[in-house]
Amino acid sequence: MIKFAYPILLLSLFSVAIYGQETKPEFDGHKWEAPYVLSIPKDWTIERFLIPISFAPQIPYKGVEDIRFTPGWSNVKSDDYWTYAFLWYLEGEIETDPKIIESNLKAYYTGLIAVNGRNIPSEKLIPVVTTFKETLTTKGDLKTYTGTIEMLDYMTQKSITLNCIVHLKPCPEEKRTLLFYELSPKPLSHDVWSSLNQLWLDFKCRKS
C-alpha cells in the first residue's frame, strides 16, 4: 500500500520472488542515486518510487517519480500547504497533449485519494476534475502546460483546487523523457511559485 501523507511510506511493486527465480532488490527511494540533478532546498523533504504507480497503474509509463515537498506541505495554516513538485523520469519517448495530461492526473489523484481517504464518509467524496491547456513554452521545455486539479483534500476532507504547471523535456542522451509537475492551491502570482520554478531552472539531465 502506498500512503501519500507526511511522512510518506512507499512500497515497491517490483520485488516479487517466484519460486526458484532470483528476487529483485526492493527499490529504496532514499538510497537510490538519481542520474540527474534535482535540488533539495533546505527543510524540504523528498520521496521516490517506481512507475508504474501502484495507486494509478493505468498510467502507461515506466520510470521513477521523484517528489519535493515544501516544509509546510501538510500544514493547513501554512502558505506552503499542498505546495510541492514531482518529476517523472520516464523511459523512452512519450506523447503528451492536454487530454493526456488531464487523463493521467485524474487517474493519479483519484488513486491517491482512494489510498488516503478510506475513512472519509462517502457523502464527502467528489470526483477529480482536471483541466489543462498548452501554454507559452518555458525556456528549455519541449512543451509546457498549465491547468487545475479540482479534488477532495483528504487531509481536511474539503474540496481543494490545485494550480499546476507541467514541463515536458527530453533527455535524448539518456533515452529518457521528463515530466515535471509544480503544484499549489496558491495563485500563480503567489511567492510560493518562485521556489517551485527554481527547482526546474536548476534541473540538469545528468550529473557533471
N, C-alpha and C. Protein backbone atom coordinates (compact mmCIF):
# COMPACT_ATOMS: atom_id res chain seq x y z
N MET A 1 0.85 -1.19 0.00
CA MET A 1 0.00 0.00 0.00
C MET A 1 0.88 1.24 0.00
N ILE A 2 0.44 2.21 -0.72
CA ILE A 2 1.17 3.48 -0.73
C ILE A 2 0.31 4.53 -0.06
N LYS A 3 0.86 5.16 0.93
CA LYS A 3 0.14 6.23 1.63
C LYS A 3 0.86 7.53 1.37
N PHE A 4 0.18 8.46 0.73
CA PHE A 4 0.78 9.72 0.30
C PHE A 4 0.44 10.77 1.33
N ALA A 5 1.07 10.70 2.50
CA ALA A 5 0.86 11.68 3.57
C ALA A 5 2.21 11.96 4.17
N TYR A 6 2.28 12.88 5.12
CA TYR A 6 3.58 13.32 5.65
C TYR A 6 3.85 12.67 7.00
N PRO A 7 4.93 11.84 7.18
CA PRO A 7 5.82 11.42 6.11
C PRO A 7 5.18 10.34 5.26
N ILE A 8 5.73 10.09 4.12
CA ILE A 8 5.13 9.18 3.15
C ILE A 8 5.81 7.82 3.19
N LEU A 9 5.03 6.77 3.17
CA LEU A 9 5.58 5.44 3.11
C LEU A 9 5.23 4.87 1.76
N LEU A 10 6.23 4.46 1.01
CA LEU A 10 6.02 3.98 -0.35
C LEU A 10 6.68 2.61 -0.50
N LEU A 11 5.96 1.67 -1.06
CA LEU A 11 6.48 0.32 -1.22
C LEU A 11 6.60 0.00 -2.69
N SER A 12 7.67 -0.69 -3.07
CA SER A 12 7.86 -1.07 -4.47
C SER A 12 7.00 -2.26 -4.82
N LEU A 13 6.53 -2.27 -6.07
CA LEU A 13 5.77 -3.41 -6.57
C LEU A 13 6.68 -4.39 -7.29
N PHE A 14 7.95 -4.09 -7.34
CA PHE A 14 8.83 -4.83 -8.22
C PHE A 14 9.78 -5.78 -7.50
N SER A 15 9.49 -6.16 -6.27
CA SER A 15 10.34 -7.16 -5.60
C SER A 15 9.48 -8.37 -5.29
N VAL A 16 9.34 -9.25 -6.28
CA VAL A 16 8.49 -10.42 -6.15
C VAL A 16 9.34 -11.66 -6.38
N ALA A 17 9.32 -12.56 -5.44
CA ALA A 17 10.03 -13.82 -5.61
C ALA A 17 9.07 -14.88 -6.12
N ILE A 18 9.45 -15.57 -7.19
CA ILE A 18 8.59 -16.61 -7.75
C ILE A 18 9.39 -17.91 -7.75
N TYR A 19 9.19 -18.70 -6.73
CA TYR A 19 9.84 -19.99 -6.55
C TYR A 19 11.34 -19.88 -6.77
N GLY A 20 11.86 -20.54 -7.81
CA GLY A 20 13.30 -20.60 -8.00
C GLY A 20 13.90 -19.38 -8.65
N GLN A 21 13.08 -18.40 -9.03
CA GLN A 21 13.60 -17.23 -9.71
C GLN A 21 14.30 -16.30 -8.72
N GLU A 22 15.26 -15.56 -9.24
CA GLU A 22 16.00 -14.62 -8.40
C GLU A 22 15.09 -13.48 -7.97
N THR A 23 15.17 -13.08 -6.71
CA THR A 23 14.37 -11.99 -6.18
C THR A 23 15.02 -10.66 -6.54
N LYS A 24 14.25 -9.75 -7.12
CA LYS A 24 14.78 -8.44 -7.45
C LYS A 24 14.87 -7.60 -6.17
N PRO A 25 15.91 -6.79 -6.04
CA PRO A 25 16.03 -5.96 -4.84
C PRO A 25 14.91 -4.95 -4.76
N GLU A 26 14.44 -4.70 -3.54
CA GLU A 26 13.38 -3.71 -3.34
C GLU A 26 13.92 -2.32 -3.61
N PHE A 27 13.13 -1.51 -4.30
CA PHE A 27 13.54 -0.15 -4.61
C PHE A 27 13.49 0.70 -3.35
N ASP A 28 14.61 1.32 -3.01
CA ASP A 28 14.69 2.21 -1.85
C ASP A 28 14.94 3.62 -2.37
N GLY A 29 13.90 4.45 -2.36
CA GLY A 29 13.99 5.77 -2.93
C GLY A 29 14.98 6.68 -2.26
N HIS A 30 15.24 6.44 -0.96
CA HIS A 30 16.18 7.30 -0.24
C HIS A 30 17.63 6.92 -0.52
N LYS A 31 17.86 5.69 -0.92
CA LYS A 31 19.22 5.25 -1.23
C LYS A 31 19.50 5.30 -2.73
N TRP A 32 18.46 5.39 -3.53
CA TRP A 32 18.64 5.42 -4.98
C TRP A 32 19.42 6.67 -5.40
N GLU A 33 20.42 6.49 -6.23
CA GLU A 33 21.23 7.61 -6.70
C GLU A 33 20.70 8.07 -8.05
N ALA A 34 20.06 9.22 -8.06
CA ALA A 34 19.49 9.76 -9.30
C ALA A 34 20.60 10.14 -10.27
N PRO A 35 20.44 9.82 -11.55
CA PRO A 35 21.45 10.21 -12.54
C PRO A 35 21.35 11.66 -12.97
N TYR A 36 20.31 12.34 -12.52
CA TYR A 36 20.06 13.74 -12.87
C TYR A 36 20.28 14.62 -11.64
N VAL A 37 20.14 15.92 -11.83
CA VAL A 37 20.26 16.86 -10.72
C VAL A 37 18.91 17.53 -10.49
N LEU A 38 18.28 17.25 -9.36
CA LEU A 38 17.06 17.91 -8.91
C LEU A 38 17.30 18.30 -7.46
N SER A 39 17.45 19.58 -7.21
CA SER A 39 17.91 20.05 -5.91
C SER A 39 16.89 19.76 -4.80
N ILE A 40 17.39 19.75 -3.57
CA ILE A 40 16.56 19.59 -2.37
C ILE A 40 16.76 20.82 -1.51
N PRO A 41 15.87 21.80 -1.59
CA PRO A 41 16.04 23.01 -0.78
C PRO A 41 16.02 22.70 0.72
N LYS A 42 16.60 23.60 1.49
CA LYS A 42 16.69 23.41 2.94
C LYS A 42 15.30 23.21 3.55
N ASP A 43 15.18 22.20 4.39
CA ASP A 43 13.96 21.85 5.13
C ASP A 43 12.89 21.20 4.27
N TRP A 44 13.15 21.02 2.97
CA TRP A 44 12.22 20.29 2.13
C TRP A 44 12.44 18.79 2.34
N THR A 45 11.40 18.00 2.06
CA THR A 45 11.52 16.55 2.16
C THR A 45 11.31 15.93 0.78
N ILE A 46 11.77 14.69 0.64
CA ILE A 46 11.69 14.02 -0.65
C ILE A 46 11.05 12.66 -0.49
N GLU A 47 10.57 12.14 -1.59
CA GLU A 47 10.14 10.74 -1.67
C GLU A 47 10.30 10.30 -3.11
N ARG A 48 10.64 9.04 -3.29
CA ARG A 48 10.80 8.48 -4.64
C ARG A 48 10.16 7.11 -4.68
N PHE A 49 9.54 6.78 -5.82
CA PHE A 49 9.03 5.44 -6.01
C PHE A 49 8.98 5.12 -7.50
N LEU A 50 8.79 3.87 -7.80
CA LEU A 50 8.82 3.42 -9.18
C LEU A 50 7.50 3.69 -9.90
N ILE A 51 7.61 3.89 -11.19
CA ILE A 51 6.47 3.96 -12.11
C ILE A 51 6.57 2.72 -13.00
N PRO A 52 5.49 1.92 -13.22
CA PRO A 52 4.08 2.20 -12.94
C PRO A 52 3.80 2.44 -11.46
N ILE A 53 2.79 3.28 -11.22
CA ILE A 53 2.42 3.73 -9.88
C ILE A 53 1.36 2.79 -9.32
N SER A 54 1.57 2.29 -8.12
CA SER A 54 0.66 1.28 -7.57
C SER A 54 -0.77 1.80 -7.44
N PHE A 55 -0.93 3.10 -7.08
CA PHE A 55 -2.29 3.61 -6.90
C PHE A 55 -2.88 4.19 -8.19
N ALA A 56 -2.11 4.17 -9.28
CA ALA A 56 -2.61 4.62 -10.58
C ALA A 56 -1.96 3.79 -11.69
N PRO A 57 -2.18 2.48 -11.68
CA PRO A 57 -1.49 1.60 -12.62
C PRO A 57 -1.87 1.81 -14.08
N GLN A 58 -2.96 2.53 -14.32
CA GLN A 58 -3.38 2.76 -15.71
C GLN A 58 -2.52 3.80 -16.42
N ILE A 59 -1.70 4.54 -15.70
CA ILE A 59 -0.78 5.48 -16.34
C ILE A 59 0.33 4.67 -16.99
N PRO A 60 0.48 4.73 -18.32
CA PRO A 60 1.26 3.72 -19.06
C PRO A 60 2.75 4.05 -19.22
N TYR A 61 3.42 4.40 -18.13
CA TYR A 61 4.83 4.77 -18.22
C TYR A 61 5.67 3.87 -17.32
N LYS A 62 6.98 3.89 -17.59
CA LYS A 62 7.95 3.22 -16.72
C LYS A 62 9.04 4.21 -16.35
N GLY A 63 9.43 4.19 -15.08
CA GLY A 63 10.47 5.11 -14.65
C GLY A 63 10.45 5.30 -13.15
N VAL A 64 10.74 6.52 -12.71
CA VAL A 64 10.79 6.87 -11.29
C VAL A 64 10.07 8.19 -11.07
N GLU A 65 9.29 8.27 -10.00
CA GLU A 65 8.73 9.55 -9.55
C GLU A 65 9.59 10.07 -8.41
N ASP A 66 9.97 11.34 -8.48
CA ASP A 66 10.86 11.97 -7.50
C ASP A 66 10.17 13.24 -7.01
N ILE A 67 9.79 13.27 -5.72
CA ILE A 67 8.93 14.31 -5.17
C ILE A 67 9.73 15.26 -4.28
N ARG A 68 9.36 16.55 -4.33
CA ARG A 68 9.92 17.56 -3.43
C ARG A 68 8.78 18.25 -2.68
N PHE A 69 8.75 18.09 -1.37
CA PHE A 69 7.70 18.67 -0.53
C PHE A 69 8.21 19.93 0.16
N THR A 70 7.47 21.00 0.09
CA THR A 70 7.81 22.20 0.84
C THR A 70 7.67 21.92 2.34
N PRO A 71 8.35 22.69 3.19
CA PRO A 71 8.29 22.44 4.64
C PRO A 71 6.87 22.45 5.20
N GLY A 72 5.98 23.29 4.64
CA GLY A 72 4.63 23.38 5.16
C GLY A 72 3.60 22.62 4.36
N TRP A 73 4.05 21.63 3.60
CA TRP A 73 3.15 20.91 2.69
C TRP A 73 1.90 20.36 3.38
N SER A 74 2.07 19.83 4.58
CA SER A 74 0.93 19.19 5.25
C SER A 74 0.33 20.07 6.35
N ASN A 75 0.77 21.31 6.45
CA ASN A 75 0.29 22.23 7.48
C ASN A 75 -0.76 23.16 6.89
N VAL A 76 -2.01 22.95 7.25
CA VAL A 76 -3.10 23.70 6.64
C VAL A 76 -2.99 25.20 6.89
N LYS A 77 -2.26 25.61 7.91
CA LYS A 77 -2.11 27.02 8.23
C LYS A 77 -0.94 27.68 7.49
N SER A 78 -0.19 26.88 6.77
CA SER A 78 1.00 27.39 6.08
C SER A 78 0.66 27.83 4.66
N ASP A 79 1.38 28.83 4.16
CA ASP A 79 1.27 29.21 2.75
C ASP A 79 1.74 28.10 1.83
N ASP A 80 2.53 27.17 2.39
CA ASP A 80 3.06 26.04 1.61
C ASP A 80 2.09 24.87 1.52
N TYR A 81 0.94 24.97 2.15
CA TYR A 81 0.03 23.83 2.20
C TYR A 81 -0.26 23.31 0.79
N TRP A 82 -0.08 22.01 0.60
CA TRP A 82 -0.27 21.34 -0.69
C TRP A 82 0.61 21.93 -1.80
N THR A 83 1.71 22.54 -1.43
CA THR A 83 2.64 23.10 -2.41
C THR A 83 3.84 22.17 -2.51
N TYR A 84 4.02 21.61 -3.68
CA TYR A 84 5.10 20.64 -3.87
C TYR A 84 5.34 20.46 -5.37
N ALA A 85 6.30 19.63 -5.69
CA ALA A 85 6.61 19.35 -7.10
C ALA A 85 7.04 17.89 -7.22
N PHE A 86 6.83 17.33 -8.40
CA PHE A 86 7.36 15.98 -8.61
C PHE A 86 7.78 15.80 -10.07
N LEU A 87 8.83 15.00 -10.21
CA LEU A 87 9.40 14.68 -11.52
C LEU A 87 9.04 13.25 -11.89
N TRP A 88 8.61 13.06 -13.13
CA TRP A 88 8.52 11.72 -13.69
C TRP A 88 9.70 11.55 -14.64
N TYR A 89 10.63 10.68 -14.26
CA TYR A 89 11.82 10.37 -15.05
C TYR A 89 11.49 9.08 -15.80
N LEU A 90 11.15 9.22 -17.08
CA LEU A 90 10.47 8.16 -17.81
C LEU A 90 11.36 7.54 -18.89
N GLU A 91 11.16 6.26 -19.10
CA GLU A 91 11.89 5.55 -20.15
C GLU A 91 11.35 5.91 -21.52
N GLY A 92 12.27 6.14 -22.48
CA GLY A 92 11.89 6.34 -23.88
C GLY A 92 11.19 7.66 -24.15
N GLU A 93 10.55 7.71 -25.32
CA GLU A 93 9.80 8.90 -25.72
C GLU A 93 8.33 8.69 -25.41
N ILE A 94 7.65 9.76 -25.02
CA ILE A 94 6.21 9.69 -24.76
C ILE A 94 5.51 10.83 -25.48
N GLU A 95 4.24 10.64 -25.73
CA GLU A 95 3.43 11.68 -26.34
C GLU A 95 2.66 12.41 -25.25
N THR A 96 2.50 13.73 -25.42
CA THR A 96 1.68 14.49 -24.49
C THR A 96 0.81 15.47 -25.24
N ASP A 97 -0.31 15.76 -24.68
CA ASP A 97 -1.18 16.85 -25.10
C ASP A 97 -2.08 17.14 -23.90
N PRO A 98 -2.89 18.18 -23.93
CA PRO A 98 -3.70 18.49 -22.75
C PRO A 98 -4.59 17.34 -22.29
N LYS A 99 -5.15 16.58 -23.22
CA LYS A 99 -6.04 15.47 -22.84
C LYS A 99 -5.28 14.36 -22.13
N ILE A 100 -4.06 14.08 -22.59
CA ILE A 100 -3.26 13.05 -21.94
C ILE A 100 -2.87 13.50 -20.53
N ILE A 101 -2.47 14.76 -20.40
CA ILE A 101 -2.14 15.29 -19.07
C ILE A 101 -3.36 15.20 -18.16
N GLU A 102 -4.51 15.61 -18.65
CA GLU A 102 -5.74 15.55 -17.85
C GLU A 102 -6.04 14.12 -17.40
N SER A 103 -5.94 13.17 -18.33
CA SER A 103 -6.26 11.77 -18.02
C SER A 103 -5.29 11.20 -16.99
N ASN A 104 -4.01 11.45 -17.18
CA ASN A 104 -3.02 10.92 -16.25
C ASN A 104 -3.20 11.49 -14.84
N LEU A 105 -3.41 12.79 -14.74
CA LEU A 105 -3.54 13.39 -13.41
C LEU A 105 -4.88 13.06 -12.76
N LYS A 106 -5.91 12.87 -13.55
CA LYS A 106 -7.19 12.42 -12.98
C LYS A 106 -7.01 11.03 -12.35
N ALA A 107 -6.33 10.14 -13.07
CA ALA A 107 -6.08 8.80 -12.54
C ALA A 107 -5.18 8.87 -11.30
N TYR A 108 -4.17 9.72 -11.35
CA TYR A 108 -3.22 9.84 -10.26
C TYR A 108 -3.90 10.30 -8.97
N TYR A 109 -4.66 11.38 -9.04
CA TYR A 109 -5.26 11.92 -7.82
C TYR A 109 -6.48 11.13 -7.38
N THR A 110 -7.17 10.50 -8.30
CA THR A 110 -8.26 9.60 -7.90
C THR A 110 -7.70 8.45 -7.08
N GLY A 111 -6.59 7.88 -7.55
CA GLY A 111 -5.95 6.79 -6.81
C GLY A 111 -5.36 7.24 -5.49
N LEU A 112 -4.77 8.41 -5.50
CA LEU A 112 -4.16 8.96 -4.28
C LEU A 112 -5.20 9.17 -3.19
N ILE A 113 -6.34 9.72 -3.56
CA ILE A 113 -7.41 9.95 -2.59
C ILE A 113 -7.99 8.63 -2.10
N ALA A 114 -8.11 7.65 -3.00
CA ALA A 114 -8.63 6.34 -2.60
C ALA A 114 -7.73 5.69 -1.55
N VAL A 115 -6.41 5.83 -1.71
CA VAL A 115 -5.46 5.24 -0.77
C VAL A 115 -5.52 5.95 0.58
N ASN A 116 -5.62 7.27 0.55
CA ASN A 116 -5.55 8.05 1.79
C ASN A 116 -6.90 8.40 2.40
N GLY A 117 -7.98 8.11 1.68
CA GLY A 117 -9.29 8.53 2.15
C GLY A 117 -10.23 7.42 2.51
N ARG A 118 -9.69 6.30 2.96
CA ARG A 118 -10.55 5.15 3.26
C ARG A 118 -11.53 5.42 4.39
N ASN A 119 -11.19 6.34 5.27
CA ASN A 119 -12.07 6.64 6.40
C ASN A 119 -12.93 7.88 6.17
N ILE A 120 -12.89 8.43 4.96
CA ILE A 120 -13.71 9.60 4.66
C ILE A 120 -15.13 9.14 4.32
N PRO A 121 -16.14 9.74 4.92
CA PRO A 121 -17.52 9.35 4.60
C PRO A 121 -17.80 9.50 3.11
N SER A 122 -18.55 8.57 2.57
CA SER A 122 -18.80 8.55 1.13
C SER A 122 -19.49 9.81 0.64
N GLU A 123 -20.31 10.44 1.49
CA GLU A 123 -21.02 11.64 1.05
C GLU A 123 -20.08 12.83 0.85
N LYS A 124 -18.86 12.75 1.37
CA LYS A 124 -17.90 13.83 1.19
C LYS A 124 -17.04 13.66 -0.06
N LEU A 125 -17.04 12.47 -0.62
CA LEU A 125 -16.20 12.19 -1.77
C LEU A 125 -16.73 12.90 -3.01
N ILE A 126 -15.83 13.45 -3.79
CA ILE A 126 -16.18 14.12 -5.03
C ILE A 126 -15.23 13.63 -6.12
N PRO A 127 -15.68 13.66 -7.38
CA PRO A 127 -14.79 13.21 -8.46
C PRO A 127 -13.67 14.22 -8.70
N VAL A 128 -12.54 13.72 -9.15
CA VAL A 128 -11.42 14.57 -9.53
C VAL A 128 -11.71 15.14 -10.92
N VAL A 129 -11.53 16.45 -11.06
CA VAL A 129 -11.73 17.12 -12.35
C VAL A 129 -10.43 17.82 -12.73
N THR A 130 -9.90 17.47 -13.89
CA THR A 130 -8.64 18.07 -14.35
C THR A 130 -8.89 18.85 -15.65
N THR A 131 -8.28 20.02 -15.74
CA THR A 131 -8.42 20.87 -16.93
C THR A 131 -7.06 21.46 -17.26
N PHE A 132 -6.57 21.20 -18.49
CA PHE A 132 -5.24 21.67 -18.87
C PHE A 132 -5.25 22.23 -20.29
N LYS A 133 -4.27 23.08 -20.56
CA LYS A 133 -4.06 23.63 -21.89
C LYS A 133 -2.57 23.81 -22.11
N GLU A 134 -2.15 23.76 -23.38
CA GLU A 134 -0.76 24.07 -23.71
C GLU A 134 -0.60 25.58 -23.66
N THR A 135 0.52 26.01 -23.11
CA THR A 135 0.73 27.43 -22.90
C THR A 135 2.07 27.85 -23.49
N LEU A 136 2.45 29.10 -23.28
CA LEU A 136 3.73 29.60 -23.77
C LEU A 136 4.85 28.72 -23.22
N THR A 137 5.70 28.22 -24.12
CA THR A 137 6.71 27.24 -23.72
C THR A 137 7.79 27.89 -22.87
N THR A 138 8.03 27.30 -21.70
CA THR A 138 9.12 27.74 -20.84
C THR A 138 10.45 27.39 -21.50
N LYS A 139 11.45 28.26 -21.32
CA LYS A 139 12.76 28.02 -21.91
C LYS A 139 13.31 26.66 -21.49
N GLY A 140 13.74 25.88 -22.47
CA GLY A 140 14.27 24.55 -22.21
C GLY A 140 13.25 23.44 -22.31
N ASP A 141 11.96 23.79 -22.30
CA ASP A 141 10.90 22.78 -22.42
C ASP A 141 10.65 22.44 -23.88
N LEU A 142 10.20 21.22 -24.10
CA LEU A 142 9.65 20.87 -25.41
C LEU A 142 8.22 21.39 -25.50
N LYS A 143 7.48 21.23 -24.41
CA LYS A 143 6.13 21.78 -24.29
C LYS A 143 5.89 22.15 -22.83
N THR A 144 4.99 23.09 -22.60
CA THR A 144 4.61 23.50 -21.25
C THR A 144 3.09 23.57 -21.19
N TYR A 145 2.54 23.11 -20.08
CA TYR A 145 1.08 23.10 -19.90
C TYR A 145 0.74 23.76 -18.56
N THR A 146 -0.42 24.34 -18.50
CA THR A 146 -0.94 24.84 -17.23
C THR A 146 -2.38 24.35 -17.07
N GLY A 147 -2.80 24.22 -15.81
CA GLY A 147 -4.16 23.78 -15.59
C GLY A 147 -4.49 23.69 -14.12
N THR A 148 -5.60 23.01 -13.83
CA THR A 148 -6.07 22.86 -12.46
C THR A 148 -6.50 21.44 -12.19
N ILE A 149 -6.45 21.08 -10.91
CA ILE A 149 -6.93 19.79 -10.43
C ILE A 149 -7.90 20.07 -9.30
N GLU A 150 -9.17 19.82 -9.53
CA GLU A 150 -10.20 20.01 -8.51
C GLU A 150 -10.46 18.65 -7.87
N MET A 151 -10.36 18.59 -6.54
CA MET A 151 -10.44 17.29 -5.88
C MET A 151 -10.79 17.46 -4.41
N LEU A 152 -10.94 16.34 -3.74
CA LEU A 152 -11.13 16.35 -2.29
C LEU A 152 -9.77 16.33 -1.62
N ASP A 153 -9.55 17.27 -0.72
CA ASP A 153 -8.35 17.27 0.11
C ASP A 153 -8.58 16.26 1.23
N TYR A 154 -7.89 15.14 1.15
CA TYR A 154 -8.14 14.08 2.13
C TYR A 154 -7.66 14.44 3.53
N MET A 155 -6.84 15.50 3.65
CA MET A 155 -6.37 15.91 4.98
C MET A 155 -7.42 16.74 5.72
N THR A 156 -8.12 17.60 5.00
CA THR A 156 -9.15 18.43 5.63
C THR A 156 -10.56 17.92 5.33
N GLN A 157 -10.66 16.98 4.39
CA GLN A 157 -11.94 16.45 3.91
C GLN A 157 -12.82 17.56 3.32
N LYS A 158 -12.17 18.53 2.69
CA LYS A 158 -12.85 19.61 1.97
C LYS A 158 -12.32 19.66 0.54
N SER A 159 -13.07 20.29 -0.33
CA SER A 159 -12.62 20.42 -1.72
C SER A 159 -11.44 21.39 -1.80
N ILE A 160 -10.58 21.14 -2.75
CA ILE A 160 -9.42 21.99 -2.98
C ILE A 160 -9.13 22.02 -4.47
N THR A 161 -8.60 23.12 -4.95
CA THR A 161 -8.17 23.23 -6.35
C THR A 161 -6.68 23.51 -6.37
N LEU A 162 -5.94 22.61 -7.00
CA LEU A 162 -4.51 22.79 -7.16
C LEU A 162 -4.23 23.41 -8.52
N ASN A 163 -3.50 24.51 -8.53
CA ASN A 163 -2.97 25.03 -9.79
C ASN A 163 -1.73 24.22 -10.14
N CYS A 164 -1.49 24.05 -11.43
CA CYS A 164 -0.43 23.13 -11.84
C CYS A 164 0.26 23.64 -13.11
N ILE A 165 1.58 23.56 -13.12
CA ILE A 165 2.38 23.78 -14.32
C ILE A 165 3.09 22.47 -14.64
N VAL A 166 3.05 22.05 -15.89
CA VAL A 166 3.69 20.80 -16.31
C VAL A 166 4.71 21.11 -17.39
N HIS A 167 5.94 20.66 -17.16
CA HIS A 167 7.03 20.87 -18.11
C HIS A 167 7.39 19.54 -18.77
N LEU A 168 7.46 19.53 -20.08
CA LEU A 168 7.91 18.35 -20.83
C LEU A 168 9.29 18.64 -21.40
N LYS A 169 10.24 17.75 -21.11
CA LYS A 169 11.62 17.95 -21.56
C LYS A 169 12.22 16.61 -21.93
N PRO A 170 12.86 16.50 -23.10
CA PRO A 170 13.55 15.26 -23.43
C PRO A 170 14.98 15.27 -22.92
N CYS A 171 15.47 14.09 -22.58
CA CYS A 171 16.88 13.88 -22.28
C CYS A 171 17.37 12.79 -23.24
N PRO A 172 17.58 13.13 -24.51
CA PRO A 172 17.84 12.11 -25.54
C PRO A 172 19.08 11.28 -25.30
N GLU A 173 20.13 11.86 -24.71
CA GLU A 173 21.35 11.09 -24.49
C GLU A 173 21.12 9.97 -23.48
N GLU A 174 20.17 10.16 -22.58
CA GLU A 174 19.84 9.14 -21.59
C GLU A 174 18.65 8.29 -22.04
N LYS A 175 18.10 8.63 -23.21
CA LYS A 175 16.90 7.94 -23.73
C LYS A 175 15.76 8.02 -22.71
N ARG A 176 15.60 9.23 -22.18
CA ARG A 176 14.57 9.47 -21.18
C ARG A 176 13.73 10.68 -21.57
N THR A 177 12.52 10.71 -21.05
CA THR A 177 11.65 11.87 -21.18
C THR A 177 11.25 12.31 -19.78
N LEU A 178 11.20 13.61 -19.56
CA LEU A 178 10.88 14.16 -18.25
C LEU A 178 9.55 14.89 -18.27
N LEU A 179 8.76 14.65 -17.26
CA LEU A 179 7.58 15.47 -16.97
C LEU A 179 7.76 16.00 -15.56
N PHE A 180 7.78 17.32 -15.43
CA PHE A 180 7.96 17.94 -14.13
C PHE A 180 6.71 18.73 -13.79
N TYR A 181 6.12 18.41 -12.63
CA TYR A 181 4.85 18.99 -12.20
C TYR A 181 5.10 19.92 -11.01
N GLU A 182 4.62 21.16 -11.11
CA GLU A 182 4.63 22.10 -10.00
C GLU A 182 3.18 22.31 -9.57
N LEU A 183 2.91 22.24 -8.26
CA LEU A 183 1.53 22.29 -7.79
C LEU A 183 1.39 23.13 -6.53
N SER A 184 0.31 23.90 -6.47
CA SER A 184 -0.05 24.65 -5.27
C SER A 184 -1.48 25.17 -5.41
N PRO A 185 -2.20 25.26 -4.29
CA PRO A 185 -3.52 25.91 -4.34
C PRO A 185 -3.40 27.43 -4.45
N LYS A 186 -2.19 27.96 -4.24
CA LYS A 186 -1.99 29.40 -4.35
C LYS A 186 -2.01 29.82 -5.82
N PRO A 187 -2.48 31.05 -6.12
CA PRO A 187 -2.46 31.54 -7.50
C PRO A 187 -1.04 31.61 -8.03
N LEU A 188 -0.90 31.57 -9.35
CA LEU A 188 0.43 31.55 -9.96
C LEU A 188 1.23 32.81 -9.67
N SER A 189 0.57 33.86 -9.21
CA SER A 189 1.26 35.10 -8.87
C SER A 189 1.86 35.07 -7.46
N HIS A 190 1.55 34.05 -6.67
CA HIS A 190 2.00 33.99 -5.27
C HIS A 190 3.49 33.65 -5.19
N ASP A 191 4.12 34.08 -4.12
CA ASP A 191 5.56 33.88 -3.93
C ASP A 191 5.97 32.41 -3.88
N VAL A 192 5.06 31.51 -3.49
CA VAL A 192 5.45 30.11 -3.35
C VAL A 192 5.92 29.52 -4.68
N TRP A 193 5.47 30.10 -5.77
CA TRP A 193 5.83 29.56 -7.08
C TRP A 193 7.29 29.83 -7.44
N SER A 194 7.89 30.83 -6.84
CA SER A 194 9.28 31.12 -7.17
C SER A 194 10.20 29.96 -6.80
N SER A 195 9.94 29.33 -5.63
CA SER A 195 10.77 28.20 -5.22
C SER A 195 10.50 26.96 -6.06
N LEU A 196 9.25 26.77 -6.47
CA LEU A 196 8.93 25.65 -7.36
C LEU A 196 9.60 25.84 -8.71
N ASN A 197 9.48 27.05 -9.25
CA ASN A 197 10.10 27.33 -10.55
C ASN A 197 11.61 27.15 -10.50
N GLN A 198 12.21 27.52 -9.37
CA GLN A 198 13.67 27.43 -9.26
C GLN A 198 14.14 25.98 -9.33
N LEU A 199 13.36 25.07 -8.80
CA LEU A 199 13.71 23.65 -8.91
C LEU A 199 13.92 23.25 -10.37
N TRP A 200 13.02 23.73 -11.21
CA TRP A 200 13.11 23.36 -12.63
C TRP A 200 14.22 24.12 -13.33
N LEU A 201 14.42 25.36 -12.97
CA LEU A 201 15.51 26.14 -13.57
C LEU A 201 16.86 25.52 -13.27
N ASP A 202 17.00 24.91 -12.09
CA ASP A 202 18.27 24.33 -11.68
C ASP A 202 18.44 22.87 -12.14
N PHE A 203 17.41 22.30 -12.72
CA PHE A 203 17.45 20.88 -13.10
C PHE A 203 18.46 20.64 -14.21
N LYS A 204 19.15 19.46 -14.11
CA LYS A 204 20.07 19.02 -15.17
C LYS A 204 19.82 17.54 -15.45
N CYS A 205 19.84 17.20 -16.72
CA CYS A 205 19.56 15.83 -17.12
C CYS A 205 20.59 14.83 -16.61
N ARG A 206 21.81 15.29 -16.45
CA ARG A 206 22.85 14.40 -15.96
C ARG A 206 23.79 15.15 -15.01
N LYS A 207 24.38 14.37 -14.11
CA LYS A 207 25.34 14.98 -13.19
C LYS A 207 26.66 15.19 -13.91
N SER A 208 27.29 16.31 -13.64
CA SER A 208 28.56 16.63 -14.30
C SER A 208 29.71 15.85 -13.67
